[in-house]
């Protein structure tokens, strides 16, 4: 467990906890760690969820498939980030999405009830956990609103530019990497892969951006 402490101390769930307090908190929460291979299902749509997961190695995708088998990537969860908290908090009977390993990964699972309920030892850290969880839920809501903003654009071009400009703001630079390959980006933006590739080529020809695989460099100042 010690090897994950450096990752966990930067996780918002454990904000304002010292390195000495964190191992005590983990012991109180009775966390469980499990490894998953690339493309392995971590949680399947329809499962009952009563735990949150923290990605301590690798990354995962939150995906949803319609009855025709079309896949949409709802979110990318990178190393150090958390998933499952909103559905656990809402006591969702059946998980509406699937959580899938996008690469080989290691997940730390925490029973949600152990986060929100004070332990028998009257652990002094739980009030911090509750405050931190509220902050996580608020930020997740903002993130989903940002995605709605991308999806509200009418054209593939505008969806792509909306997403890329958000990345420049998050990463605070014009040259950046995104966590998706072409198919995954198409799934995230709910557009056809061919249309996406064509639009990226047009944007490069127009001098708006440069790219190589998942590395991008935006050459314009703002998106209207």
C-alpha atoms as a PDB file:
ATOM      1  CA  UNK A   1       0.000   0.000   0.000  1.00  0.00           C
ATOM      2  CA  UNK A   2       2.914   2.321   0.738  1.00  0.00           C
ATOM      3  CA  UNK A   3       3.863   2.554  -2.931  1.00  0.00           C
ATOM      4  CA  UNK A   4       0.555   4.270  -3.690  1.00  0.00           C
ATOM      5  CA  UNK A   5       0.793   6.942  -0.987  1.00  0.00           C
ATOM      6  CA  UNK A   6       2.405   9.500  -3.302  1.00  0.00           C
ATOM      7  CA  UNK A   7      -0.506   9.109  -5.752  1.00  0.00           C
ATOM      8  CA  UNK A   8      -3.159   9.160  -3.040  1.00  0.00           C
ATOM      9  CA  UNK A   9      -1.895  12.255  -1.253  1.00  0.00           C
ATOM     10  CA  UNK A  10      -2.699  14.229  -4.420  1.00  0.00           C
ATOM     11  CA  UNK A  11      -6.191  12.733  -4.723  1.00  0.00           C
ATOM     12  CA  UNK A  12      -8.890  15.273  -3.749  1.00  0.00           C
ATOM     13  CA  UNK A  13     -10.584  12.695  -1.504  1.00  0.00           C
ATOM     14  CA  UNK A  14      -7.589  12.874   0.821  1.00  0.00           C
ATOM     15  CA  UNK A  15      -6.976  16.620   0.603  1.00  0.00           C
ATOM     16  CA  UNK A  16      -5.738  18.308   3.793  1.00  0.00           C
ATOM     17  CA  UNK A  17      -4.402  15.053   5.230  1.00  0.00           C
ATOM     18  CA  UNK A  18      -0.772  14.619   6.173  1.00  0.00           C
ATOM     19  CA  UNK A  19       1.448  11.747   5.052  1.00  0.00           C
ATOM     20  CA  UNK A  20       1.246  10.395   8.594  1.00  0.00           C
ATOM     21  CA  UNK A  21      -2.549  10.518   8.659  1.00  0.00           C
ATOM     22  CA  UNK A  22      -3.114   8.914   5.255  1.00  0.00           C
ATOM     23  CA  UNK A  23      -2.020   5.328   6.144  1.00  0.00           C
ATOM     24  CA  UNK A  24      -4.260   5.465   9.230  1.00  0.00           C
ATOM     25  CA  UNK A  25      -7.171   6.617   7.087  1.00  0.00           C
ATOM     26  CA  UNK A  26      -6.600   3.847   4.531  1.00  0.00           C
ATOM     27  CA  UNK A  27      -6.543   1.255   7.289  1.00  0.00           C
ATOM     28  CA  UNK A  28      -9.800   2.650   8.679  1.00  0.00           C
ATOM     29  CA  UNK A  29     -11.424   2.518   5.225  1.00  0.00           C
ATOM     30  CA  UNK A  30     -10.300  -1.107   4.656  1.00  0.00           C
ATOM     31  CA  UNK A  31      -9.409  -0.418   1.031  1.00  0.00           C
ATOM     32  CA  UNK A  32      -8.996  -3.204  -1.512  1.00  0.00           C
ATOM     33  CA  UNK A  33      -6.623  -3.124  -4.487  1.00  0.00           C
ATOM     34  CA  UNK A  34      -7.066  -5.044  -7.749  1.00  0.00           C
ATOM     35  CA  UNK A  35      -5.237  -5.169 -11.086  1.00  0.00           C
ATOM     36  CA  UNK A  36      -7.034  -5.109 -14.469  1.00  0.00           C
ATOM     37  CA  UNK A  37      -5.781  -5.771 -17.993  1.00  0.00           C
ATOM     38  CA  UNK A  38      -6.381  -3.432 -20.930  1.00  0.00           C
ATOM     39  CA  UNK A  39     -10.028  -3.538 -22.111  1.00  0.00           C
ATOM     40  CA  UNK A  40     -11.075  -5.585 -19.064  1.00  0.00           C
ATOM     41  CA  UNK A  41     -14.435  -4.645 -17.556  1.00  0.00           C
ATOM     42  CA  UNK A  42     -14.072  -3.177 -14.080  1.00  0.00           C
ATOM     43  CA  UNK A  43     -17.762  -2.461 -13.505  1.00  0.00           C
ATOM     44  CA  UNK A  44     -20.503  -3.505 -15.910  1.00  0.00           C
ATOM     45  CA  UNK A  45     -23.625  -1.521 -16.708  1.00  0.00           C
ATOM     46  CA  UNK A  46     -26.424  -3.049 -14.647  1.00  0.00           C
ATOM     47  CA  UNK A  47     -24.175  -3.810 -11.663  1.00  0.00           C
ATOM     48  CA  UNK A  48     -25.108  -2.515  -8.238  1.00  0.00           C
ATOM     49  CA  UNK A  49     -22.485  -0.011  -7.072  1.00  0.00           C
ATOM     50  CA  UNK A  50     -21.669   0.743  -3.455  1.00  0.00           C
ATOM     51  CA  UNK A  51     -17.993   1.664  -3.748  1.00  0.00           C
ATOM     52  CA  UNK A  52     -15.753   4.230  -5.298  1.00  0.00           C
ATOM     53  CA  UNK A  53     -12.599   3.483  -7.234  1.00  0.00           C
ATOM     54  CA  UNK A  54      -9.318   5.369  -7.318  1.00  0.00           C
ATOM     55  CA  UNK A  55      -7.002   4.738 -10.266  1.00  0.00           C
ATOM     56  CA  UNK A  56      -3.560   4.286  -8.694  1.00  0.00           C
ATOM     57  CA  UNK A  57      -1.924   3.036 -11.913  1.00  0.00           C
ATOM     58  CA  UNK A  58      -3.017   3.354 -15.555  1.00  0.00           C
ATOM     59  CA  UNK A  59      -6.359   4.832 -16.615  1.00  0.00           C
ATOM     60  CA  UNK A  60      -9.982   3.858 -17.289  1.00  0.00           C
ATOM     61  CA  UNK A  61     -12.845   4.930 -19.518  1.00  0.00           C
ATOM     62  CA  UNK A  62     -16.450   5.403 -18.468  1.00  0.00           C
ATOM     63  CA  UNK A  63     -18.461   4.208 -21.470  1.00  0.00           C
ATOM     64  CA  UNK A  64     -22.072   3.713 -22.498  1.00  0.00           C
ATOM     65  CA  UNK A  65     -23.424   1.619 -25.355  1.00  0.00           C
ATOM     66  CA  UNK A  66     -26.845   1.984 -26.990  1.00  0.00           C
ATOM     67  CA  UNK A  67     -28.984  -0.910 -28.184  1.00  0.00           C
ATOM     68  CA  UNK A  68     -27.271  -0.731 -31.592  1.00  0.00           C
ATOM     69  CA  UNK A  69     -23.846  -1.227 -30.035  1.00  0.00           C
ATOM     70  CA  UNK A  70     -22.676   2.344 -30.612  1.00  0.00           C
ATOM     71  CA  UNK A  71     -20.234   3.342 -27.895  1.00  0.00           C
ATOM     72  CA  UNK A  72     -19.903   6.746 -26.248  1.00  0.00           C
ATOM     73  CA  UNK A  73     -17.000   7.567 -23.938  1.00  0.00           C
ATOM     74  CA  UNK A  74     -18.497   9.570 -21.089  1.00  0.00           C
ATOM     75  CA  UNK A  75     -15.219  10.315 -19.334  1.00  0.00           C
ATOM     76  CA  UNK A  76     -11.530   9.438 -19.119  1.00  0.00           C
ATOM     77  CA  UNK A  77     -10.265   8.737 -15.588  1.00  0.00           C
ATOM     78  CA  UNK A  78      -6.498   9.155 -15.303  1.00  0.00           C
ATOM     79  CA  UNK A  79      -4.049   7.980 -12.645  1.00  0.00           C
ATOM     80  CA  UNK A  80      -4.891   9.552  -9.299  1.00  0.00           C
ATOM     81  CA  UNK A  81      -8.520  10.271 -10.189  1.00  0.00           C
ATOM     82  CA  UNK A  82     -11.706   8.829  -8.718  1.00  0.00           C
ATOM     83  CA  UNK A  83     -14.816   7.236 -10.239  1.00  0.00           C
ATOM     84  CA  UNK A  84     -18.133   5.808  -9.062  1.00  0.00           C
ATOM     85  CA  UNK A  85     -18.670   8.453  -6.374  1.00  0.00           C
ATOM     86  CA  UNK A  86     -21.766  10.064  -7.919  1.00  0.00           C
ATOM     87  CA  UNK A  87     -23.595   6.760  -8.494  1.00  0.00           C
ATOM     88  CA  UNK A  88     -22.674   5.508  -5.011  1.00  0.00           C
ATOM     89  CA  UNK A  89     -23.849   8.756  -3.438  1.00  0.00           C
ATOM     90  CA  UNK A  90     -27.159   8.527  -5.319  1.00  0.00           C
ATOM     91  CA  UNK A  91     -27.635   4.889  -4.190  1.00  0.00           C
ATOM     92  CA  UNK A  92     -28.111   3.920  -7.837  1.00  0.00           C
ATOM     93  CA  UNK A  93     -29.687   0.463  -8.038  1.00  0.00           C
ATOM     94  CA  UNK A  94     -28.178  -0.338 -11.421  1.00  0.00           C
ATOM     95  CA  UNK A  95     -25.061   1.286 -12.845  1.00  0.00           C
ATOM     96  CA  UNK A  96     -26.033   2.968 -16.164  1.00  0.00           C
ATOM     97  CA  UNK A  97     -22.487   2.940 -17.562  1.00  0.00           C
ATOM     98  CA  UNK A  98     -19.572   0.541 -17.899  1.00  0.00           C
ATOM     99  CA  UNK A  99     -16.128   1.178 -16.417  1.00  0.00           C
ATOM    100  CA  UNK A 100     -13.397  -0.293 -18.591  1.00  0.00           C
ATOM    101  CA  UNK A 101      -9.590  -0.386 -18.354  1.00  0.00           C
ATOM    102  CA  UNK A 102      -8.193   1.729 -21.200  1.00  0.00           C
ATOM    103  CA  UNK A 103      -4.705   0.366 -20.392  1.00  0.00           C
ATOM    104  CA  UNK A 104      -3.390  -2.090 -17.816  1.00  0.00           C
ATOM    105  CA  UNK A 105      -4.362  -0.506 -14.521  1.00  0.00           C
ATOM    106  CA  UNK A 106      -4.608  -0.877 -10.759  1.00  0.00           C
ATOM    107  CA  UNK A 107      -7.717   0.254  -8.895  1.00  0.00           C
ATOM    108  CA  UNK A 108      -8.147   0.923  -5.192  1.00  0.00           C
ATOM    109  CA  UNK A 109     -11.742   0.311  -4.099  1.00  0.00           C
ATOM    110  CA  UNK A 110     -13.349   1.953  -1.064  1.00  0.00           C
ATOM    111  CA  UNK A 111     -16.755   1.025   0.357  1.00  0.00           C
ATOM    112  CA  UNK A 112     -18.811   4.226   0.089  1.00  0.00           C
ATOM    113  CA  UNK A 113     -20.507   3.584   3.433  1.00  0.00           C
ATOM    114  CA  UNK A 114     -17.133   3.638   5.156  1.00  0.00           C
ATOM    115  CA  UNK A 115     -16.541   7.110   3.729  1.00  0.00           C
ATOM    116  CA  UNK A 116     -19.803   8.670   4.852  1.00  0.00           C
ATOM    117  CA  UNK A 117     -20.239   6.880   8.198  1.00  0.00           C
ATOM    118  CA  UNK A 118     -18.053   7.499  11.255  1.00  0.00           C
ATOM    119  CA  UNK A 119     -16.162   4.376  12.273  1.00  0.00           C
ATOM    120  CA  UNK A 120     -16.348   2.745  15.707  1.00  0.00           C
ATOM    121  CA  UNK A 121     -13.049   4.414  16.612  1.00  0.00           C
ATOM    122  CA  UNK A 122     -14.664   7.840  16.087  1.00  0.00           C
ATOM    123  CA  UNK A 123     -11.972   8.531  13.504  1.00  0.00           C
ATOM    124  CA  UNK A 124     -11.215  12.249  13.368  1.00  0.00           C
ATOM    125  CA  UNK A 125     -10.601  12.168   9.615  1.00  0.00           C
ATOM    126  CA  UNK A 126     -14.128  11.377   8.456  1.00  0.00           C
ATOM    127  CA  UNK A 127     -15.412  14.943   8.523  1.00  0.00           C
ATOM    128  CA  UNK A 128     -12.573  15.839   6.128  1.00  0.00           C
ATOM    129  CA  UNK A 129     -13.539  12.958   3.874  1.00  0.00           C
ATOM    130  CA  UNK A 130     -17.125  14.186   3.735  1.00  0.00           C
ATOM    131  CA  UNK A 131     -16.039  17.734   2.897  1.00  0.00           C
ATOM    132  CA  UNK A 132     -13.665  16.428   0.239  1.00  0.00           C
ATOM    133  CA  UNK A 133     -16.355  14.198  -1.274  1.00  0.00           C
ATOM    134  CA  UNK A 134     -18.714  17.172  -1.614  1.00  0.00           C
ATOM    135  CA  UNK A 135     -15.977  19.045  -3.462  1.00  0.00           C
ATOM    136  CA  UNK A 136     -15.371  16.087  -5.784  1.00  0.00           C
ATOM    137  CA  UNK A 137     -19.070  15.831  -6.640  1.00  0.00           C
ATOM    138  CA  UNK A 138     -19.226  19.562  -7.372  1.00  0.00           C
ATOM    139  CA  UNK A 139     -16.197  19.437  -9.663  1.00  0.00           C
ATOM    140  CA  UNK A 140     -17.562  16.363 -11.432  1.00  0.00           C
ATOM    141  CA  UNK A 141     -20.759  18.269 -12.133  1.00  0.00           C
ATOM    142  CA  UNK A 142     -18.727  21.104 -13.666  1.00  0.00           C
ATOM    143  CA  UNK A 143     -16.819  18.603 -15.819  1.00  0.00           C
ATOM    144  CA  UNK A 144     -20.055  17.088 -17.135  1.00  0.00           C
ATOM    145  CA  UNK A 145     -21.390  20.556 -17.878  1.00  0.00           C
ATOM    146  CA  UNK A 146     -18.251  21.193 -19.935  1.00  0.00           C
ATOM    147  CA  UNK A 147     -18.929  18.040 -21.935  1.00  0.00           C
ATOM    148  CA  UNK A 148     -22.522  19.141 -22.515  1.00  0.00           C
ATOM    149  CA  UNK A 149     -21.071  22.386 -23.859  1.00  0.00           C
ATOM    150  CA  UNK A 150     -19.010  20.407 -26.408  1.00  0.00           C
ATOM    151  CA  UNK A 151     -21.960  18.215 -27.344  1.00  0.00           C
ATOM    152  CA  UNK A 152     -24.257  21.210 -27.840  1.00  0.00           C
ATOM    153  CA  UNK A 153     -22.187  22.370 -30.802  1.00  0.00           C
ATOM    154  CA  UNK A 154     -23.930  21.581 -34.065  1.00  0.00           C
ATOM    155  CA  UNK A 155     -20.952  20.648 -36.237  1.00  0.00           C
ATOM    156  CA  UNK A 156     -18.073  18.205 -35.858  1.00  0.00           C
ATOM    157  CA  UNK A 157     -15.673  21.114 -36.351  1.00  0.00           C
ATOM    158  CA  UNK A 158     -17.144  23.116 -33.473  1.00  0.00           C
ATOM    159  CA  UNK A 159     -17.220  20.075 -31.168  1.00  0.00           C
ATOM    160  CA  UNK A 160     -13.539  19.381 -31.861  1.00  0.00           C
ATOM    161  CA  UNK A 161     -12.483  22.990 -31.328  1.00  0.00           C
ATOM    162  CA  UNK A 162     -14.599  23.318 -28.167  1.00  0.00           C
ATOM    163  CA  UNK A 163     -12.913  20.249 -26.686  1.00  0.00           C
ATOM    164  CA  UNK A 164      -9.383  21.256 -27.724  1.00  0.00           C
ATOM    165  CA  UNK A 165      -9.732  24.769 -26.362  1.00  0.00           C
ATOM    166  CA  UNK A 166     -10.929  23.342 -23.067  1.00  0.00           C
ATOM    167  CA  UNK A 167      -7.735  21.273 -22.990  1.00  0.00           C
ATOM    168  CA  UNK A 168      -5.591  24.375 -23.476  1.00  0.00           C
ATOM    169  CA  UNK A 169      -7.301  25.953 -20.472  1.00  0.00           C
ATOM    170  CA  UNK A 170      -6.953  22.859 -18.287  1.00  0.00           C
ATOM    171  CA  UNK A 171      -3.329  22.222 -19.209  1.00  0.00           C
ATOM    172  CA  UNK A 172      -2.487  25.942 -19.437  1.00  0.00           C
ATOM    173  CA  UNK A 173      -0.551  25.667 -22.672  1.00  0.00           C
ATOM    174  CA  UNK A 174      -1.274  25.549 -26.382  1.00  0.00           C
ATOM    175  CA  UNK A 175       0.757  22.399 -26.998  1.00  0.00           C
ATOM    176  CA  UNK A 176      -0.719  19.429 -25.157  1.00  0.00           C
ATOM    177  CA  UNK A 177      -1.604  15.746 -25.237  1.00  0.00           C
ATOM    178  CA  UNK A 178      -5.107  14.330 -25.010  1.00  0.00           C
ATOM    179  CA  UNK A 179      -5.922  10.918 -23.462  1.00  0.00           C
ATOM    180  CA  UNK A 180      -7.719   9.604 -26.564  1.00  0.00           C
ATOM    181  CA  UNK A 181      -6.791   8.025 -29.882  1.00  0.00           C
ATOM    182  CA  UNK A 182      -8.905   8.957 -32.925  1.00  0.00           C
ATOM    183  CA  UNK A 183     -11.637   6.384 -32.341  1.00  0.00           C
ATOM    184  CA  UNK A 184     -11.838   7.224 -28.655  1.00  0.00           C
ATOM    185  CA  UNK A 185     -12.047  10.955 -29.379  1.00  0.00           C
ATOM    186  CA  UNK A 186     -14.829  10.275 -31.887  1.00  0.00           C
ATOM    187  CA  UNK A 187     -16.647   8.197 -29.260  1.00  0.00           C
ATOM    188  CA  UNK A 188     -16.189  10.949 -26.675  1.00  0.00           C
ATOM    189  CA  UNK A 189     -17.572  13.651 -28.976  1.00  0.00           C
ATOM    190  CA  UNK A 190     -20.248  11.354 -30.472  1.00  0.00           C
ATOM    191  CA  UNK A 191     -19.091  11.922 -34.049  1.00  0.00           C
ATOM    192  CA  UNK A 192     -18.113   9.643 -36.906  1.00  0.00           C
ATOM    193  CA  UNK A 193     -14.409   8.781 -36.932  1.00  0.00           C
ATOM    194  CA  UNK A 194     -14.008   9.565 -40.639  1.00  0.00           C
ATOM    195  CA  UNK A 195     -15.722  12.919 -40.208  1.00  0.00           C
ATOM    196  CA  UNK A 196     -13.445  13.657 -37.264  1.00  0.00           C
ATOM    197  CA  UNK A 197     -10.286  12.802 -39.229  1.00  0.00           C
ATOM    198  CA  UNK A 198     -11.447  14.904 -42.188  1.00  0.00           C
ATOM    199  CA  UNK A 199     -12.183  17.891 -39.967  1.00  0.00           C
ATOM    200  CA  UNK A 200      -8.809  17.656 -38.236  1.00  0.00           C
ATOM    201  CA  UNK A 201      -7.089  17.611 -41.626  1.00  0.00           C
ATOM    202  CA  UNK A 202      -9.041  20.710 -42.706  1.00  0.00           C
ATOM    203  CA  UNK A 203      -8.143  22.532 -39.500  1.00  0.00           C
ATOM    204  CA  UNK A 204      -4.473  21.755 -40.092  1.00  0.00           C
ATOM    205  CA  UNK A 205      -4.660  22.952 -43.698  1.00  0.00           C
ATOM    206  CA  UNK A 206      -6.279  26.192 -42.517  1.00  0.00           C
ATOM    207  CA  UNK A 207      -3.428  26.798 -40.075  1.00  0.00           C
ATOM    208  CA  UNK A 208      -5.669  26.534 -37.019  1.00  0.00           C
ATOM    209  CA  UNK A 209      -3.835  23.629 -35.418  1.00  0.00           C
ATOM    210  CA  UNK A 210      -1.041  21.127 -35.785  1.00  0.00           C
ATOM    211  CA  UNK A 211      -1.151  17.564 -34.535  1.00  0.00           C
ATOM    212  CA  UNK A 212       0.672  14.253 -34.423  1.00  0.00           C
ATOM    213  CA  UNK A 213      -1.363  11.337 -33.091  1.00  0.00           C
ATOM    214  CA  UNK A 214      -2.678  12.572 -29.720  1.00  0.00           C
ATOM    215  CA  UNK A 215      -0.370  15.614 -29.505  1.00  0.00           C
ATOM    216  CA  UNK A 216      -1.911  18.935 -30.505  1.00  0.00           C
ATOM    217  CA  UNK A 217      -0.741  22.515 -30.926  1.00  0.00           C
ATOM    218  CA  UNK A 218      -3.423  25.200 -31.290  1.00  0.00           C
ATOM    219  CA  UNK A 219      -2.330  28.146 -33.421  1.00  0.00           C
ATOM    220  CA  UNK A 220      -5.341  30.418 -32.903  1.00  0.00           C
ATOM    221  CA  UNK A 221      -6.029  32.499 -29.805  1.00  0.00           C
ATOM    222  CA  UNK A 222      -9.676  31.795 -29.105  1.00  0.00           C
ATOM    223  CA  UNK A 223     -12.733  29.830 -30.186  1.00  0.00           C
ATOM    224  CA  UNK A 224     -15.986  31.552 -31.062  1.00  0.00           C
END
